[in-house]
Amino acid sequence: RLFYRQVKNLILSDAIYCPAETCILLASYAMQAKHKDYNETKHQPGVLANERLLPDRVREQFHFSNDEWEKRIINWWKEHKGLT
Protein backbone atom coordinates (compact mmCIF):
# COMPACT_ATOMS: atom_id res chain seq x y z
CA ARG A 1 0.00 0.00 0.00
CA LEU A 2 2.77 2.41 0.86
CA PHE A 3 4.40 1.89 -2.53
CA TYR A 4 1.06 2.50 -4.29
CA ARG A 5 0.51 5.74 -2.36
CA GLN A 6 4.04 6.93 -3.03
CA VAL A 7 3.77 6.31 -6.77
CA LYS A 8 0.29 7.86 -6.90
CA ASN A 9 1.56 10.99 -5.13
CA LEU A 10 4.59 11.22 -7.43
CA ILE A 11 2.33 11.03 -10.49
CA LEU A 12 -0.17 13.54 -9.09
CA SER A 13 2.64 15.98 -8.27
CA ASP A 14 4.23 15.41 -11.71
CA ALA A 15 7.47 14.24 -10.14
CA ILE A 16 6.97 11.20 -12.39
CA TYR A 17 5.65 11.98 -15.86
CA CYS A 18 2.63 9.95 -16.88
CA PRO A 19 0.82 10.44 -20.22
CA ALA A 20 -2.76 11.69 -19.94
CA GLU A 21 -4.40 8.49 -21.17
CA THR A 22 -2.35 6.43 -18.72
CA CYS A 23 -3.35 8.80 -15.91
CA ILE A 24 -7.01 8.22 -16.72
CA LEU A 25 -6.47 4.45 -16.81
CA LEU A 26 -4.63 4.52 -13.46
CA ALA A 27 -7.43 6.64 -12.00
CA SER A 28 -9.94 4.00 -13.07
CA TYR A 29 -7.85 1.26 -11.43
CA ALA A 30 -7.67 3.35 -8.25
CA MET A 31 -11.46 3.55 -8.20
CA GLN A 32 -11.74 -0.21 -8.79
CA ALA A 33 -9.36 -0.90 -5.91
CA LYS A 34 -11.14 1.49 -3.57
CA HIS A 35 -14.81 0.96 -4.51
CA LYS A 36 -14.81 -2.46 -6.25
CA ASP A 37 -16.91 -2.95 -9.40
CA TYR A 38 -18.69 0.10 -10.74
CA ASN A 39 -22.38 -0.02 -9.91
CA GLU A 40 -24.59 2.64 -11.50
CA THR A 41 -27.06 2.48 -8.61
CA LYS A 42 -24.45 2.67 -5.88
CA HIS A 43 -22.02 5.06 -7.59
CA GLN A 44 -24.09 8.14 -8.28
CA PRO A 45 -22.90 11.12 -10.37
CA GLY A 46 -20.26 12.99 -8.41
CA VAL A 47 -18.70 9.81 -6.99
CA LEU A 48 -15.29 11.14 -8.04
CA ALA A 49 -15.83 14.66 -6.71
CA ASN A 50 -13.75 14.16 -3.56
CA GLU A 51 -11.04 12.07 -5.21
CA ARG A 52 -7.73 13.48 -6.43
CA LEU A 53 -7.08 11.20 -9.38
CA LEU A 54 -5.37 13.27 -12.08
CA PRO A 55 -2.37 15.59 -12.11
CA ASP A 56 -3.24 19.26 -12.57
CA ARG A 57 -1.21 19.20 -15.79
CA VAL A 58 -3.63 16.71 -17.36
CA ARG A 59 -6.70 18.66 -16.26
CA GLU A 60 -5.24 21.89 -17.63
CA GLN A 61 -4.13 20.26 -20.88
CA PHE A 62 -7.62 19.16 -21.93
CA HIS A 63 -10.00 21.67 -20.30
CA PHE A 64 -12.75 19.11 -19.67
CA SER A 65 -15.42 19.77 -17.06
CA ASN A 66 -15.46 17.65 -13.90
CA ASP A 67 -18.43 15.75 -15.36
CA GLU A 68 -16.49 14.96 -18.54
CA TRP A 69 -13.49 13.72 -16.54
CA GLU A 70 -15.80 11.60 -14.41
CA LYS A 71 -17.40 10.02 -17.49
CA ARG A 72 -14.00 9.18 -18.98
CA ILE A 73 -12.70 7.61 -15.78
CA ILE A 74 -15.95 5.70 -15.16
CA ASN A 75 -15.91 4.32 -18.72
CA TRP A 76 -12.54 2.72 -17.99
CA TRP A 77 -13.62 1.71 -14.48
CA LYS A 78 -16.54 -0.28 -15.92
CA GLU A 79 -14.02 -2.33 -17.92
CA HIS A 80 -12.39 -3.59 -14.71
CA LYS A 81 -15.42 -5.54 -13.52
CA GLY A 82 -14.36 -8.56 -11.50
CA LEU A 83 -10.75 -7.49 -10.93
CA THR A 84 -11.11 -7.20 -7.15
C-alpha atoms as a PDB file:
ATOM      1  CA  ARG A   1       0.000   0.000   0.000  1.00  0.00           C
ATOM      2  CA  LEU A   2       2.771   2.405   0.859  1.00  0.00           C
ATOM      3  CA  PHE A   3       4.403   1.889  -2.534  1.00  0.00           C
ATOM      4  CA  TYR A   4       1.060   2.504  -4.288  1.00  0.00           C
ATOM      5  CA  ARG A   5       0.509   5.737  -2.356  1.00  0.00           C
ATOM      6  CA  GLN A   6       4.038   6.930  -3.032  1.00  0.00           C
ATOM      7  CA  VAL A   7       3.770   6.306  -6.770  1.00  0.00           C
ATOM      8  CA  LYS A   8       0.294   7.864  -6.897  1.00  0.00           C
ATOM      9  CA  ASN A   9       1.559  10.992  -5.132  1.00  0.00           C
ATOM     10  CA  LEU A  10       4.592  11.219  -7.430  1.00  0.00           C
ATOM     11  CA  ILE A  11       2.333  11.026 -10.488  1.00  0.00           C
ATOM     12  CA  LEU A  12      -0.168  13.536  -9.088  1.00  0.00           C
ATOM     13  CA  SER A  13       2.636  15.979  -8.268  1.00  0.00           C
ATOM     14  CA  ASP A  14       4.228  15.405 -11.714  1.00  0.00           C
ATOM     15  CA  ALA A  15       7.468  14.239 -10.136  1.00  0.00           C
ATOM     16  CA  ILE A  16       6.966  11.203 -12.386  1.00  0.00           C
ATOM     17  CA  TYR A  17       5.651  11.980 -15.865  1.00  0.00           C
ATOM     18  CA  CYS A  18       2.633   9.947 -16.881  1.00  0.00           C
ATOM     19  CA  PRO A  19       0.822  10.437 -20.221  1.00  0.00           C
ATOM     20  CA  ALA A  20      -2.763  11.694 -19.944  1.00  0.00           C
ATOM     21  CA  GLU A  21      -4.403   8.489 -21.171  1.00  0.00           C
ATOM     22  CA  THR A  22      -2.354   6.433 -18.715  1.00  0.00           C
ATOM     23  CA  CYS A  23      -3.354   8.805 -15.908  1.00  0.00           C
ATOM     24  CA  ILE A  24      -7.010   8.215 -16.720  1.00  0.00           C
ATOM     25  CA  LEU A  25      -6.467   4.448 -16.807  1.00  0.00           C
ATOM     26  CA  LEU A  26      -4.632   4.524 -13.459  1.00  0.00           C
ATOM     27  CA  ALA A  27      -7.434   6.643 -11.996  1.00  0.00           C
ATOM     28  CA  SER A  28      -9.938   4.003 -13.071  1.00  0.00           C
ATOM     29  CA  TYR A  29      -7.847   1.260 -11.433  1.00  0.00           C
ATOM     30  CA  ALA A  30      -7.666   3.345  -8.251  1.00  0.00           C
ATOM     31  CA  MET A  31     -11.459   3.548  -8.202  1.00  0.00           C
ATOM     32  CA  GLN A  32     -11.740  -0.210  -8.791  1.00  0.00           C
ATOM     33  CA  ALA A  33      -9.359  -0.900  -5.913  1.00  0.00           C
ATOM     34  CA  LYS A  34     -11.144   1.488  -3.566  1.00  0.00           C
ATOM     35  CA  HIS A  35     -14.811   0.955  -4.506  1.00  0.00           C
ATOM     36  CA  LYS A  36     -14.807  -2.457  -6.253  1.00  0.00           C
ATOM     37  CA  ASP A  37     -16.912  -2.954  -9.399  1.00  0.00           C
ATOM     38  CA  TYR A  38     -18.691   0.099 -10.743  1.00  0.00           C
ATOM     39  CA  ASN A  39     -22.383  -0.017  -9.912  1.00  0.00           C
ATOM     40  CA  GLU A  40     -24.591   2.642 -11.500  1.00  0.00           C
ATOM     41  CA  THR A  41     -27.064   2.478  -8.612  1.00  0.00           C
ATOM     42  CA  LYS A  42     -24.447   2.674  -5.881  1.00  0.00           C
ATOM     43  CA  HIS A  43     -22.015   5.059  -7.587  1.00  0.00           C
ATOM     44  CA  GLN A  44     -24.090   8.145  -8.281  1.00  0.00           C
ATOM     45  CA  PRO A  45     -22.904  11.119 -10.373  1.00  0.00           C
ATOM     46  CA  GLY A  46     -20.264  12.988  -8.409  1.00  0.00           C
ATOM     47  CA  VAL A  47     -18.702   9.813  -6.988  1.00  0.00           C
ATOM     48  CA  LEU A  48     -15.291  11.135  -8.043  1.00  0.00           C
ATOM     49  CA  ALA A  49     -15.830  14.659  -6.707  1.00  0.00           C
ATOM     50  CA  ASN A  50     -13.747  14.156  -3.561  1.00  0.00           C
ATOM     51  CA  GLU A  51     -11.040  12.068  -5.211  1.00  0.00           C
ATOM     52  CA  ARG A  52      -7.735  13.479  -6.433  1.00  0.00           C
ATOM     53  CA  LEU A  53      -7.079  11.198  -9.377  1.00  0.00           C
ATOM     54  CA  LEU A  54      -5.372  13.268 -12.079  1.00  0.00           C
ATOM     55  CA  PRO A  55      -2.374  15.588 -12.112  1.00  0.00           C
ATOM     56  CA  ASP A  56      -3.240  19.258 -12.569  1.00  0.00           C
ATOM     57  CA  ARG A  57      -1.212  19.201 -15.790  1.00  0.00           C
ATOM     58  CA  VAL A  58      -3.628  16.711 -17.362  1.00  0.00           C
ATOM     59  CA  ARG A  59      -6.697  18.658 -16.255  1.00  0.00           C
ATOM     60  CA  GLU A  60      -5.240  21.888 -17.634  1.00  0.00           C
ATOM     61  CA  GLN A  61      -4.127  20.261 -20.879  1.00  0.00           C
ATOM     62  CA  PHE A  62      -7.615  19.156 -21.925  1.00  0.00           C
ATOM     63  CA  HIS A  63     -10.003  21.669 -20.300  1.00  0.00           C
ATOM     64  CA  PHE A  64     -12.751  19.106 -19.665  1.00  0.00           C
ATOM     65  CA  SER A  65     -15.422  19.766 -17.061  1.00  0.00           C
ATOM     66  CA  ASN A  66     -15.458  17.654 -13.902  1.00  0.00           C
ATOM     67  CA  ASP A  67     -18.431  15.754 -15.358  1.00  0.00           C
ATOM     68  CA  GLU A  68     -16.487  14.959 -18.536  1.00  0.00           C
ATOM     69  CA  TRP A  69     -13.491  13.720 -16.538  1.00  0.00           C
ATOM     70  CA  GLU A  70     -15.795  11.603 -14.407  1.00  0.00           C
ATOM     71  CA  LYS A  71     -17.400  10.024 -17.487  1.00  0.00           C
ATOM     72  CA  ARG A  72     -14.003   9.175 -18.978  1.00  0.00           C
ATOM     73  CA  ILE A  73     -12.703   7.606 -15.776  1.00  0.00           C
ATOM     74  CA  ILE A  74     -15.954   5.699 -15.161  1.00  0.00           C
ATOM     75  CA  ASN A  75     -15.912   4.320 -18.721  1.00  0.00           C
ATOM     76  CA  TRP A  76     -12.543   2.723 -17.995  1.00  0.00           C
ATOM     77  CA  TRP A  77     -13.615   1.708 -14.476  1.00  0.00           C
ATOM     78  CA  LYS A  78     -16.542  -0.275 -15.922  1.00  0.00           C
ATOM     79  CA  GLU A  79     -14.023  -2.326 -17.923  1.00  0.00           C
ATOM     80  CA  HIS A  80     -12.392  -3.587 -14.714  1.00  0.00           C
ATOM     81  CA  LYS A  81     -15.415  -5.541 -13.520  1.00  0.00           C
ATOM     82  CA  GLY A  82     -14.360  -8.560 -11.498  1.00  0.00           C
ATOM     83  CA  LEU A  83     -10.752  -7.486 -10.929  1.00  0.00           C
ATOM     84  CA  THR A  84     -11.106  -7.201  -7.150  1.00  0.00           C
END
